[in-house]
């Protein structure tokens, strides 16, 4: 673990981006780190972009990750990974789900959803993990847990103990969804 790490979590409204950020912040707190988080909702309830900035380390003063400063971008929807790519450090890493959620202009026929997004990202970054987290979550029993599948992948990259992540899930996920989320997290954790 670095003495400071900048993360951007991006997705579409309803994908659990904010919950994922709260789990991540809880992991940092349980690990004795300083953490700052900032949420930005862009028409989130209408399928718009949602981004959270999470910074953790020994001492953190500002919650915002500046353009070109993200160590990791965790994306729950592939177009959002491409949209926020400029925030990644030159040697940063992207972890993205391959799920497609068409934005309103595409649904209305005023735009076309781009093809080859993962390939485009792969051509621009050195470190990319992409996976069908939606399929993994569905196998676990709840498609809505795809965010936690990707958190499992992130967990392996950050190096915090698995037990701390599971404790953070217990602290942040409603009890009735906890077991499915633990299963989804473990599946993601074991995929890497």
N, C-alpha and C. Protein backbone atom coordinates (compact mmCIF):
# COMPACT_ATOMS: atom_id res chain seq x y z
N UNK A 1 0.85 -1.19 0.00
CA UNK A 1 0.00 0.00 0.00
C UNK A 1 0.88 1.24 0.00
N UNK A 2 0.55 2.17 -0.87
CA UNK A 2 1.28 3.44 -0.94
C UNK A 2 0.97 4.27 0.30
N UNK A 3 1.77 5.33 0.55
CA UNK A 3 1.43 6.19 1.68
C UNK A 3 0.24 7.09 1.34
N UNK A 4 -0.13 7.14 0.04
CA UNK A 4 -1.35 7.81 -0.39
C UNK A 4 -1.83 7.16 -1.68
N UNK A 5 -3.14 6.96 -1.79
CA UNK A 5 -3.68 6.41 -3.02
C UNK A 5 -4.94 7.18 -3.40
N UNK A 6 -5.03 7.52 -4.69
CA UNK A 6 -6.17 8.25 -5.23
C UNK A 6 -6.99 7.32 -6.10
N UNK A 7 -8.27 7.24 -5.80
CA UNK A 7 -9.15 6.37 -6.56
C UNK A 7 -10.36 7.15 -7.06
N UNK A 8 -10.80 6.78 -8.25
CA UNK A 8 -12.03 7.32 -8.83
C UNK A 8 -12.94 6.13 -9.06
N UNK A 9 -14.15 6.18 -8.53
CA UNK A 9 -15.14 5.14 -8.76
C UNK A 9 -16.22 5.76 -9.63
N UNK A 10 -16.48 5.15 -10.78
CA UNK A 10 -17.41 5.73 -11.74
C UNK A 10 -18.43 4.69 -12.20
N UNK A 11 -19.61 5.19 -12.46
CA UNK A 11 -20.68 4.31 -12.94
C UNK A 11 -21.87 5.13 -13.34
N UNK A 12 -22.99 4.45 -13.42
CA UNK A 12 -24.26 5.05 -13.80
C UNK A 12 -25.19 4.93 -12.60
N UNK A 13 -26.09 5.89 -12.46
CA UNK A 13 -27.04 5.86 -11.35
C UNK A 13 -27.69 4.50 -11.20
N UNK A 14 -27.71 3.98 -9.98
CA UNK A 14 -28.32 2.69 -9.70
C UNK A 14 -27.36 1.52 -9.68
N UNK A 15 -26.09 1.76 -10.01
CA UNK A 15 -25.11 0.67 -10.03
C UNK A 15 -24.40 0.47 -8.70
N UNK A 16 -24.64 1.31 -7.73
CA UNK A 16 -24.02 1.14 -6.43
C UNK A 16 -22.65 1.78 -6.30
N UNK A 17 -22.40 2.81 -7.07
CA UNK A 17 -21.11 3.50 -7.02
C UNK A 17 -20.87 4.12 -5.64
N UNK A 18 -21.90 4.74 -5.09
CA UNK A 18 -21.75 5.41 -3.78
C UNK A 18 -21.55 4.37 -2.67
N UNK A 19 -22.32 3.29 -2.71
CA UNK A 19 -22.13 2.24 -1.71
C UNK A 19 -20.71 1.69 -1.79
N UNK A 20 -20.23 1.44 -2.99
CA UNK A 20 -18.87 0.92 -3.16
C UNK A 20 -17.85 1.88 -2.55
N UNK A 21 -18.07 3.18 -2.74
CA UNK A 21 -17.15 4.18 -2.17
C UNK A 21 -17.19 4.17 -0.65
N UNK A 22 -18.38 3.99 -0.09
CA UNK A 22 -18.51 3.94 1.37
C UNK A 22 -17.82 2.70 1.93
N UNK A 23 -17.90 1.59 1.20
CA UNK A 23 -17.20 0.37 1.63
C UNK A 23 -15.70 0.59 1.59
N UNK A 24 -15.22 1.20 0.52
CA UNK A 24 -13.80 1.50 0.37
C UNK A 24 -13.31 2.43 1.47
N UNK A 25 -14.08 3.47 1.77
CA UNK A 25 -13.71 4.40 2.85
C UNK A 25 -13.67 3.67 4.19
N UNK A 26 -14.60 2.75 4.39
CA UNK A 26 -14.64 1.97 5.63
C UNK A 26 -13.40 1.09 5.76
N UNK A 27 -12.97 0.50 4.65
CA UNK A 27 -11.75 -0.31 4.65
C UNK A 27 -10.56 0.54 5.10
N UNK A 28 -10.47 1.75 4.56
CA UNK A 28 -9.37 2.65 4.93
C UNK A 28 -9.43 2.98 6.42
N UNK A 29 -10.61 3.31 6.91
CA UNK A 29 -10.76 3.64 8.34
C UNK A 29 -10.41 2.46 9.23
N UNK A 30 -10.90 1.27 8.87
CA UNK A 30 -10.59 0.07 9.65
C UNK A 30 -9.10 -0.25 9.63
N UNK A 31 -8.41 0.24 8.60
CA UNK A 31 -6.96 0.02 8.47
C UNK A 31 -6.14 1.13 9.13
N UNK A 32 -6.82 2.07 9.77
CA UNK A 32 -6.13 3.15 10.47
C UNK A 32 -5.64 4.27 9.57
N UNK A 33 -6.20 4.39 8.37
CA UNK A 33 -5.78 5.43 7.44
C UNK A 33 -6.72 6.63 7.50
N UNK A 34 -6.21 7.76 7.08
CA UNK A 34 -7.03 8.93 6.86
C UNK A 34 -7.70 8.74 5.50
N UNK A 35 -8.96 9.14 5.38
CA UNK A 35 -9.67 8.98 4.12
C UNK A 35 -10.59 10.17 3.90
N UNK A 36 -10.68 10.60 2.65
CA UNK A 36 -11.61 11.65 2.26
C UNK A 36 -12.35 11.16 1.02
N UNK A 37 -13.64 11.51 0.95
CA UNK A 37 -14.48 11.05 -0.15
C UNK A 37 -15.37 12.19 -0.61
N UNK A 38 -15.58 12.27 -1.90
CA UNK A 38 -16.47 13.28 -2.47
C UNK A 38 -17.33 12.62 -3.54
N UNK A 39 -18.63 12.92 -3.55
CA UNK A 39 -19.55 12.32 -4.52
C UNK A 39 -20.03 13.38 -5.50
N UNK A 40 -20.16 12.98 -6.75
CA UNK A 40 -20.74 13.86 -7.77
C UNK A 40 -21.81 13.06 -8.50
N UNK A 41 -23.02 13.59 -8.49
CA UNK A 41 -24.14 12.91 -9.16
C UNK A 41 -24.55 13.74 -10.36
N UNK A 42 -24.50 13.17 -11.54
CA UNK A 42 -24.96 13.87 -12.74
C UNK A 42 -26.23 13.23 -13.25
N UNK A 43 -27.37 13.71 -12.79
CA UNK A 43 -28.66 13.14 -13.19
C UNK A 43 -28.68 11.63 -12.91
N UNK A 44 -28.16 11.25 -11.78
CA UNK A 44 -27.96 9.84 -11.45
C UNK A 44 -29.25 9.04 -11.49
N UNK A 45 -30.36 9.62 -11.08
CA UNK A 45 -31.60 8.86 -11.05
C UNK A 45 -32.15 8.62 -12.45
N UNK A 46 -31.61 9.28 -13.43
CA UNK A 46 -32.05 9.07 -14.81
C UNK A 46 -30.99 8.33 -15.61
N UNK A 47 -30.18 7.56 -14.94
CA UNK A 47 -29.15 6.80 -15.64
C UNK A 47 -27.91 7.61 -15.96
N UNK A 48 -27.76 8.75 -15.30
CA UNK A 48 -26.61 9.61 -15.55
C UNK A 48 -25.36 9.15 -14.82
N UNK A 49 -24.29 9.81 -15.12
CA UNK A 49 -22.98 9.50 -14.57
C UNK A 49 -22.91 9.79 -13.06
N UNK A 50 -22.28 8.88 -12.35
CA UNK A 50 -22.01 9.06 -10.92
C UNK A 50 -20.52 8.81 -10.72
N UNK A 51 -19.86 9.75 -10.04
CA UNK A 51 -18.42 9.57 -9.79
C UNK A 51 -18.14 9.91 -8.34
N UNK A 52 -17.32 9.10 -7.71
CA UNK A 52 -16.86 9.42 -6.35
C UNK A 52 -15.34 9.42 -6.36
N UNK A 53 -14.82 10.40 -5.66
CA UNK A 53 -13.37 10.53 -5.47
C UNK A 53 -13.08 9.98 -4.08
N UNK A 54 -12.11 9.10 -3.98
CA UNK A 54 -11.70 8.56 -2.69
C UNK A 54 -10.18 8.67 -2.60
N UNK A 55 -9.71 9.35 -1.56
CA UNK A 55 -8.28 9.46 -1.31
C UNK A 55 -8.01 8.89 0.07
N UNK A 56 -6.97 8.08 0.18
CA UNK A 56 -6.63 7.48 1.47
C UNK A 56 -5.13 7.46 1.64
N UNK A 57 -4.72 7.54 2.89
CA UNK A 57 -3.30 7.51 3.19
C UNK A 57 -3.03 7.97 4.60
N UNK A 58 -1.77 8.35 4.86
CA UNK A 58 -1.39 8.79 6.21
C UNK A 58 -2.08 10.10 6.57
N UNK A 59 -2.04 11.08 5.67
CA UNK A 59 -2.70 12.37 5.88
C UNK A 59 -3.28 12.84 4.57
N UNK A 60 -4.58 13.06 4.54
CA UNK A 60 -5.27 13.50 3.33
C UNK A 60 -5.94 14.84 3.63
N UNK A 61 -5.74 15.80 2.75
CA UNK A 61 -6.28 17.14 2.99
C UNK A 61 -7.47 17.47 2.11
N UNK A 62 -7.51 16.96 0.91
CA UNK A 62 -8.58 17.30 -0.03
C UNK A 62 -9.23 16.01 -0.54
N UNK A 63 -10.54 16.00 -0.71
CA UNK A 63 -11.18 14.79 -1.21
C UNK A 63 -11.13 14.62 -2.72
N UNK A 64 -10.80 15.68 -3.46
CA UNK A 64 -10.89 15.60 -4.91
C UNK A 64 -9.62 15.07 -5.56
N UNK A 65 -9.82 14.15 -6.48
CA UNK A 65 -8.72 13.62 -7.29
C UNK A 65 -8.68 14.49 -8.55
N UNK A 66 -7.55 15.09 -8.80
CA UNK A 66 -7.41 15.97 -9.97
C UNK A 66 -7.16 15.13 -11.23
N UNK A 67 -7.41 15.75 -12.36
CA UNK A 67 -7.16 15.10 -13.64
C UNK A 67 -5.70 14.65 -13.71
N UNK A 68 -5.49 13.41 -14.15
CA UNK A 68 -4.14 12.86 -14.26
C UNK A 68 -3.54 12.35 -12.96
N UNK A 69 -4.34 12.27 -11.89
CA UNK A 69 -3.80 11.87 -10.58
C UNK A 69 -4.39 10.59 -10.00
N UNK A 70 -5.32 9.94 -10.67
CA UNK A 70 -5.93 8.72 -10.12
C UNK A 70 -4.98 7.54 -10.29
N UNK A 71 -4.70 6.87 -9.20
CA UNK A 71 -3.90 5.65 -9.26
C UNK A 71 -4.72 4.52 -9.88
N UNK A 72 -6.00 4.49 -9.51
CA UNK A 72 -6.91 3.45 -10.02
C UNK A 72 -8.26 4.09 -10.32
N UNK A 73 -8.82 3.72 -11.46
CA UNK A 73 -10.21 4.04 -11.75
C UNK A 73 -10.96 2.72 -11.73
N UNK A 74 -11.97 2.65 -10.88
CA UNK A 74 -12.85 1.49 -10.80
C UNK A 74 -14.16 1.89 -11.47
N UNK A 75 -14.49 1.22 -12.56
CA UNK A 75 -15.66 1.59 -13.35
C UNK A 75 -16.66 0.44 -13.40
N UNK A 76 -17.92 0.78 -13.16
CA UNK A 76 -18.98 -0.23 -13.16
C UNK A 76 -19.67 -0.33 -14.52
N UNK A 77 -19.32 0.58 -15.44
CA UNK A 77 -19.90 0.59 -16.79
C UNK A 77 -18.80 1.05 -17.74
N UNK A 78 -18.63 0.36 -18.86
CA UNK A 78 -17.44 0.59 -19.68
C UNK A 78 -17.34 1.98 -20.31
N UNK A 79 -18.45 2.59 -20.71
CA UNK A 79 -18.38 3.93 -21.28
C UNK A 79 -17.92 4.95 -20.22
N UNK A 80 -18.30 4.72 -18.98
CA UNK A 80 -17.85 5.61 -17.89
C UNK A 80 -16.34 5.50 -17.69
N UNK A 81 -15.79 4.31 -17.88
CA UNK A 81 -14.32 4.15 -17.79
C UNK A 81 -13.64 5.01 -18.85
N UNK A 82 -14.18 4.99 -20.05
CA UNK A 82 -13.61 5.80 -21.13
C UNK A 82 -13.80 7.29 -20.87
N UNK A 83 -14.96 7.66 -20.38
CA UNK A 83 -15.29 9.07 -20.12
C UNK A 83 -14.33 9.70 -19.10
N UNK A 84 -13.89 8.94 -18.10
CA UNK A 84 -13.06 9.47 -17.01
C UNK A 84 -11.58 9.13 -17.17
N UNK A 85 -11.19 8.59 -18.31
CA UNK A 85 -9.81 8.15 -18.56
C UNK A 85 -8.77 9.24 -18.33
N UNK A 86 -9.12 10.49 -18.60
CA UNK A 86 -8.14 11.58 -18.44
C UNK A 86 -7.73 11.79 -16.98
N UNK A 87 -8.45 11.20 -16.05
CA UNK A 87 -8.12 11.35 -14.63
C UNK A 87 -7.06 10.35 -14.18
N UNK A 88 -6.76 9.37 -15.02
CA UNK A 88 -5.79 8.32 -14.67
C UNK A 88 -4.36 8.82 -14.80
N UNK A 89 -3.51 8.44 -13.84
CA UNK A 89 -2.06 8.69 -13.94
C UNK A 89 -1.51 7.91 -15.14
N UNK A 90 -0.39 8.36 -15.69
CA UNK A 90 0.19 7.62 -16.82
C UNK A 90 0.46 6.15 -16.51
N UNK A 91 0.82 5.82 -15.27
CA UNK A 91 1.06 4.43 -14.91
C UNK A 91 -0.08 3.85 -14.08
N UNK A 92 -1.25 4.50 -14.13
CA UNK A 92 -2.40 4.05 -13.34
C UNK A 92 -3.07 2.83 -13.95
N UNK A 93 -4.08 2.36 -13.24
CA UNK A 93 -4.76 1.12 -13.62
C UNK A 93 -6.27 1.35 -13.69
N UNK A 94 -6.89 0.70 -14.66
CA UNK A 94 -8.35 0.72 -14.76
C UNK A 94 -8.87 -0.68 -14.51
N UNK A 95 -9.88 -0.75 -13.67
CA UNK A 95 -10.63 -1.99 -13.45
C UNK A 95 -12.05 -1.66 -13.90
N UNK A 96 -12.55 -2.36 -14.89
CA UNK A 96 -13.89 -2.03 -15.38
C UNK A 96 -14.74 -3.26 -15.64
N UNK A 97 -16.01 -3.09 -15.35
CA UNK A 97 -17.00 -4.06 -15.77
C UNK A 97 -17.31 -3.81 -17.23
N UNK A 98 -17.74 -4.83 -17.94
CA UNK A 98 -18.05 -4.68 -19.36
C UNK A 98 -19.52 -4.36 -19.60
N UNK A 99 -20.26 -4.15 -18.54
CA UNK A 99 -21.69 -3.86 -18.68
C UNK A 99 -21.91 -2.61 -19.52
N UNK A 100 -22.97 -2.66 -20.35
CA UNK A 100 -23.38 -1.53 -21.18
C UNK A 100 -24.71 -1.01 -20.65
N UNK A 101 -24.74 0.26 -20.28
CA UNK A 101 -25.98 0.94 -19.93
C UNK A 101 -26.06 2.16 -20.84
N UNK A 102 -27.00 2.12 -21.76
CA UNK A 102 -27.10 3.19 -22.75
C UNK A 102 -27.55 4.49 -22.09
N UNK A 103 -26.82 5.60 -22.35
CA UNK A 103 -27.24 6.89 -21.82
C UNK A 103 -28.49 7.39 -22.57
N UNK A 104 -29.15 8.37 -21.98
CA UNK A 104 -30.40 8.89 -22.53
C UNK A 104 -30.29 9.29 -24.01
N UNK A 105 -29.23 10.01 -24.44
CA UNK A 105 -29.16 10.36 -25.87
C UNK A 105 -29.17 9.13 -26.79
N UNK A 106 -28.57 8.03 -26.35
CA UNK A 106 -28.57 6.80 -27.15
C UNK A 106 -29.97 6.20 -27.16
N UNK A 107 -30.62 6.17 -26.01
CA UNK A 107 -31.97 5.63 -25.92
C UNK A 107 -32.94 6.42 -26.80
N UNK A 108 -32.73 7.74 -26.86
CA UNK A 108 -33.60 8.61 -27.65
C UNK A 108 -33.24 8.60 -29.14
N UNK A 109 -32.19 7.90 -29.52
CA UNK A 109 -31.81 7.83 -30.92
C UNK A 109 -31.00 9.02 -31.40
N UNK A 110 -30.52 9.85 -30.49
CA UNK A 110 -29.75 11.05 -30.87
C UNK A 110 -28.25 10.82 -30.86
N UNK A 111 -27.84 9.65 -30.42
CA UNK A 111 -26.42 9.29 -30.38
C UNK A 111 -26.31 7.78 -30.52
N UNK A 112 -25.10 7.33 -30.78
CA UNK A 112 -24.83 5.90 -30.91
C UNK A 112 -23.85 5.51 -29.82
N UNK A 113 -24.13 4.40 -29.14
CA UNK A 113 -23.20 3.90 -28.13
C UNK A 113 -21.94 3.43 -28.85
N UNK A 114 -20.78 3.92 -28.44
CA UNK A 114 -19.54 3.55 -29.15
C UNK A 114 -19.23 2.06 -29.04
N UNK A 115 -18.65 1.52 -30.09
CA UNK A 115 -18.23 0.12 -30.05
C UNK A 115 -16.74 0.06 -29.74
N UNK A 116 -16.28 -1.08 -29.29
CA UNK A 116 -14.85 -1.29 -29.05
C UNK A 116 -14.28 -0.46 -27.91
N UNK A 117 -15.09 -0.18 -26.89
CA UNK A 117 -14.64 0.68 -25.79
C UNK A 117 -13.48 0.05 -25.02
N UNK A 118 -13.61 -1.21 -24.66
CA UNK A 118 -12.55 -1.87 -23.88
C UNK A 118 -11.25 -1.91 -24.69
N UNK A 119 -11.36 -2.16 -25.98
CA UNK A 119 -10.17 -2.18 -26.84
C UNK A 119 -9.54 -0.79 -26.91
N UNK A 120 -10.38 0.26 -26.99
CA UNK A 120 -9.88 1.64 -27.02
C UNK A 120 -9.11 1.95 -25.74
N UNK A 121 -9.68 1.57 -24.61
CA UNK A 121 -9.02 1.80 -23.32
C UNK A 121 -7.70 1.03 -23.27
N UNK A 122 -7.75 -0.21 -23.72
CA UNK A 122 -6.55 -1.05 -23.71
C UNK A 122 -5.42 -0.42 -24.52
N UNK A 123 -5.76 0.29 -25.57
CA UNK A 123 -4.76 0.95 -26.38
C UNK A 123 -4.18 2.20 -25.74
N UNK A 124 -4.82 2.68 -24.67
CA UNK A 124 -4.38 3.93 -24.04
C UNK A 124 -3.76 3.76 -22.66
N UNK A 125 -3.95 2.60 -22.05
CA UNK A 125 -3.41 2.40 -20.70
C UNK A 125 -2.55 1.14 -20.66
N UNK A 126 -1.65 1.11 -19.68
CA UNK A 126 -0.78 -0.04 -19.53
C UNK A 126 -1.41 -1.15 -18.70
N UNK A 127 -2.28 -0.75 -17.75
CA UNK A 127 -2.86 -1.74 -16.83
C UNK A 127 -4.38 -1.66 -16.91
N UNK A 128 -4.99 -2.75 -17.38
CA UNK A 128 -6.44 -2.82 -17.51
C UNK A 128 -6.93 -4.20 -17.12
N UNK A 129 -7.92 -4.23 -16.25
CA UNK A 129 -8.64 -5.47 -15.95
C UNK A 129 -10.09 -5.20 -16.34
N UNK A 130 -10.62 -6.01 -17.25
CA UNK A 130 -12.03 -5.88 -17.62
C UNK A 130 -12.69 -7.25 -17.46
N UNK A 131 -13.90 -7.24 -16.94
CA UNK A 131 -14.61 -8.49 -16.76
C UNK A 131 -16.11 -8.26 -16.74
N UNK A 132 -16.84 -9.32 -17.03
CA UNK A 132 -18.30 -9.28 -17.02
C UNK A 132 -18.77 -9.50 -15.58
N UNK A 133 -18.68 -8.43 -14.79
CA UNK A 133 -19.06 -8.52 -13.37
C UNK A 133 -20.54 -8.78 -13.21
N UNK A 134 -21.35 -8.34 -14.16
CA UNK A 134 -22.79 -8.57 -14.10
C UNK A 134 -23.09 -10.06 -14.15
N UNK A 135 -22.41 -10.79 -15.03
CA UNK A 135 -22.61 -12.24 -15.13
C UNK A 135 -22.18 -12.94 -13.85
N UNK A 136 -21.07 -12.51 -13.28
CA UNK A 136 -20.58 -13.12 -12.03
C UNK A 136 -21.58 -12.86 -10.91
N UNK A 137 -22.07 -11.62 -10.80
CA UNK A 137 -23.05 -11.28 -9.76
C UNK A 137 -24.35 -12.06 -9.94
N UNK A 138 -24.77 -12.23 -11.18
CA UNK A 138 -26.00 -12.99 -11.46
C UNK A 138 -25.83 -14.43 -11.00
N UNK A 139 -24.65 -15.01 -11.26
CA UNK A 139 -24.36 -16.38 -10.79
C UNK A 139 -24.40 -16.46 -9.27
N UNK A 140 -24.04 -15.36 -8.61
CA UNK A 140 -24.05 -15.34 -7.13
C UNK A 140 -25.48 -15.18 -6.57
N UNK A 141 -26.42 -14.79 -7.43
CA UNK A 141 -27.80 -14.69 -6.98
C UNK A 141 -28.41 -13.31 -7.04
N UNK A 142 -27.63 -12.27 -7.42
CA UNK A 142 -28.20 -10.93 -7.50
C UNK A 142 -27.35 -10.07 -8.44
N UNK A 143 -27.92 -9.71 -9.59
CA UNK A 143 -27.21 -8.91 -10.58
C UNK A 143 -26.75 -7.57 -10.01
N UNK A 144 -27.47 -7.06 -9.01
CA UNK A 144 -27.12 -5.75 -8.44
C UNK A 144 -25.82 -5.80 -7.65
N UNK A 145 -25.28 -6.98 -7.40
CA UNK A 145 -24.03 -7.10 -6.65
C UNK A 145 -22.80 -7.02 -7.55
N UNK A 146 -22.99 -6.62 -8.81
CA UNK A 146 -21.83 -6.54 -9.72
C UNK A 146 -20.82 -5.51 -9.22
N UNK A 147 -21.29 -4.46 -8.53
CA UNK A 147 -20.36 -3.49 -7.97
C UNK A 147 -19.44 -4.15 -6.94
N UNK A 148 -19.97 -5.07 -6.17
CA UNK A 148 -19.18 -5.72 -5.13
C UNK A 148 -18.23 -6.77 -5.74
N UNK A 149 -18.62 -7.36 -6.86
CA UNK A 149 -17.70 -8.25 -7.58
C UNK A 149 -16.45 -7.45 -7.96
N UNK A 150 -16.66 -6.26 -8.51
CA UNK A 150 -15.53 -5.42 -8.91
C UNK A 150 -14.75 -4.91 -7.70
N UNK A 151 -15.42 -4.72 -6.57
CA UNK A 151 -14.72 -4.36 -5.34
C UNK A 151 -13.78 -5.49 -4.91
N UNK A 152 -14.20 -6.73 -5.14
CA UNK A 152 -13.33 -7.87 -4.84
C UNK A 152 -12.06 -7.85 -5.67
N UNK A 153 -12.20 -7.48 -6.94
CA UNK A 153 -11.03 -7.35 -7.81
C UNK A 153 -10.12 -6.23 -7.29
N UNK A 154 -10.73 -5.09 -6.96
CA UNK A 154 -9.98 -3.96 -6.41
C UNK A 154 -9.26 -4.34 -5.12
N UNK A 155 -9.92 -5.11 -4.29
CA UNK A 155 -9.33 -5.52 -3.01
C UNK A 155 -7.99 -6.21 -3.20
N UNK A 156 -7.92 -7.09 -4.19
CA UNK A 156 -6.66 -7.80 -4.46
C UNK A 156 -5.58 -6.83 -4.91
N UNK A 157 -5.96 -5.80 -5.67
CA UNK A 157 -4.99 -4.83 -6.18
C UNK A 157 -4.47 -3.92 -5.08
N UNK A 158 -5.31 -3.61 -4.08
CA UNK A 158 -4.89 -2.69 -3.03
C UNK A 158 -4.10 -3.35 -1.91
N UNK A 159 -4.32 -4.64 -1.70
CA UNK A 159 -3.52 -5.36 -0.74
C UNK A 159 -3.98 -5.35 0.71
N UNK A 160 -5.12 -4.74 1.01
CA UNK A 160 -5.64 -4.82 2.38
C UNK A 160 -6.12 -6.25 2.63
N UNK A 161 -6.09 -6.68 3.88
CA UNK A 161 -6.51 -8.04 4.23
C UNK A 161 -7.98 -8.26 3.86
N UNK A 162 -8.27 -9.44 3.36
CA UNK A 162 -9.63 -9.80 2.96
C UNK A 162 -10.61 -9.64 4.12
N UNK A 163 -10.16 -9.96 5.33
CA UNK A 163 -11.03 -9.87 6.51
C UNK A 163 -11.50 -8.43 6.76
N UNK A 164 -10.64 -7.46 6.46
CA UNK A 164 -11.03 -6.05 6.64
C UNK A 164 -12.13 -5.69 5.65
N UNK A 165 -12.01 -6.17 4.42
CA UNK A 165 -13.05 -5.91 3.42
C UNK A 165 -14.38 -6.54 3.85
N UNK A 166 -14.32 -7.77 4.34
CA UNK A 166 -15.56 -8.43 4.77
C UNK A 166 -16.19 -7.70 5.95
N UNK A 167 -15.37 -7.18 6.86
CA UNK A 167 -15.89 -6.39 7.98
C UNK A 167 -16.53 -5.09 7.47
N UNK A 168 -15.90 -4.46 6.49
CA UNK A 168 -16.47 -3.24 5.90
C UNK A 168 -17.81 -3.54 5.23
N UNK A 169 -17.92 -4.68 4.57
CA UNK A 169 -19.21 -5.09 3.98
C UNK A 169 -20.26 -5.24 5.08
N UNK A 170 -19.89 -5.90 6.16
CA UNK A 170 -20.82 -6.07 7.29
C UNK A 170 -21.29 -4.73 7.83
N UNK A 171 -20.39 -3.75 7.86
CA UNK A 171 -20.71 -2.44 8.41
C UNK A 171 -21.56 -1.58 7.47
N UNK A 172 -21.47 -1.82 6.16
CA UNK A 172 -22.11 -0.91 5.19
C UNK A 172 -23.27 -1.51 4.39
N UNK A 173 -23.34 -2.83 4.28
CA UNK A 173 -24.38 -3.46 3.46
C UNK A 173 -25.55 -3.88 4.37
N UNK A 174 -26.79 -3.57 3.96
CA UNK A 174 -27.94 -4.02 4.76
C UNK A 174 -27.92 -5.53 4.98
N UNK A 175 -28.29 -5.96 6.16
CA UNK A 175 -28.21 -7.36 6.57
C UNK A 175 -28.86 -8.31 5.57
N UNK A 176 -30.00 -7.94 5.02
CA UNK A 176 -30.71 -8.87 4.13
C UNK A 176 -29.95 -9.12 2.81
N UNK A 177 -29.00 -8.25 2.47
CA UNK A 177 -28.21 -8.42 1.25
C UNK A 177 -26.76 -8.84 1.53
N UNK A 178 -26.42 -9.00 2.81
CA UNK A 178 -25.03 -9.21 3.19
C UNK A 178 -24.43 -10.50 2.62
N UNK A 179 -25.12 -11.63 2.75
CA UNK A 179 -24.53 -12.90 2.31
C UNK A 179 -24.27 -12.93 0.81
N UNK A 180 -25.22 -12.42 0.02
CA UNK A 180 -25.01 -12.37 -1.44
C UNK A 180 -23.83 -11.46 -1.77
N UNK A 181 -23.73 -10.34 -1.06
CA UNK A 181 -22.62 -9.42 -1.32
C UNK A 181 -21.28 -10.03 -0.91
N UNK A 182 -21.25 -10.77 0.18
CA UNK A 182 -20.01 -11.45 0.58
C UNK A 182 -19.61 -12.48 -0.49
N UNK A 183 -20.58 -13.19 -1.01
CA UNK A 183 -20.31 -14.17 -2.05
C UNK A 183 -19.79 -13.48 -3.32
N UNK A 184 -20.43 -12.37 -3.70
CA UNK A 184 -20.01 -11.62 -4.89
C UNK A 184 -18.61 -11.06 -4.71
N UNK A 185 -18.33 -10.53 -3.52
CA UNK A 185 -16.99 -10.00 -3.23
C UNK A 185 -15.95 -11.10 -3.37
N UNK A 186 -16.21 -12.24 -2.76
CA UNK A 186 -15.27 -13.36 -2.79
C UNK A 186 -15.02 -13.84 -4.21
N UNK A 187 -16.07 -13.90 -5.03
CA UNK A 187 -15.90 -14.28 -6.44
C UNK A 187 -14.96 -13.31 -7.15
N UNK A 188 -15.17 -12.00 -6.95
CA UNK A 188 -14.31 -11.01 -7.57
C UNK A 188 -12.88 -11.10 -7.05
N UNK A 189 -12.75 -11.32 -5.74
CA UNK A 189 -11.44 -11.42 -5.11
C UNK A 189 -10.64 -12.59 -5.68
N UNK A 190 -11.33 -13.68 -5.97
CA UNK A 190 -10.66 -14.88 -6.46
C UNK A 190 -10.42 -14.85 -7.96
N UNK A 191 -11.03 -13.91 -8.67
CA UNK A 191 -10.85 -13.83 -10.13
C UNK A 191 -9.49 -13.32 -10.54
N UNK A 192 -8.87 -12.51 -9.69
CA UNK A 192 -7.61 -11.86 -10.07
C UNK A 192 -6.46 -12.83 -9.91
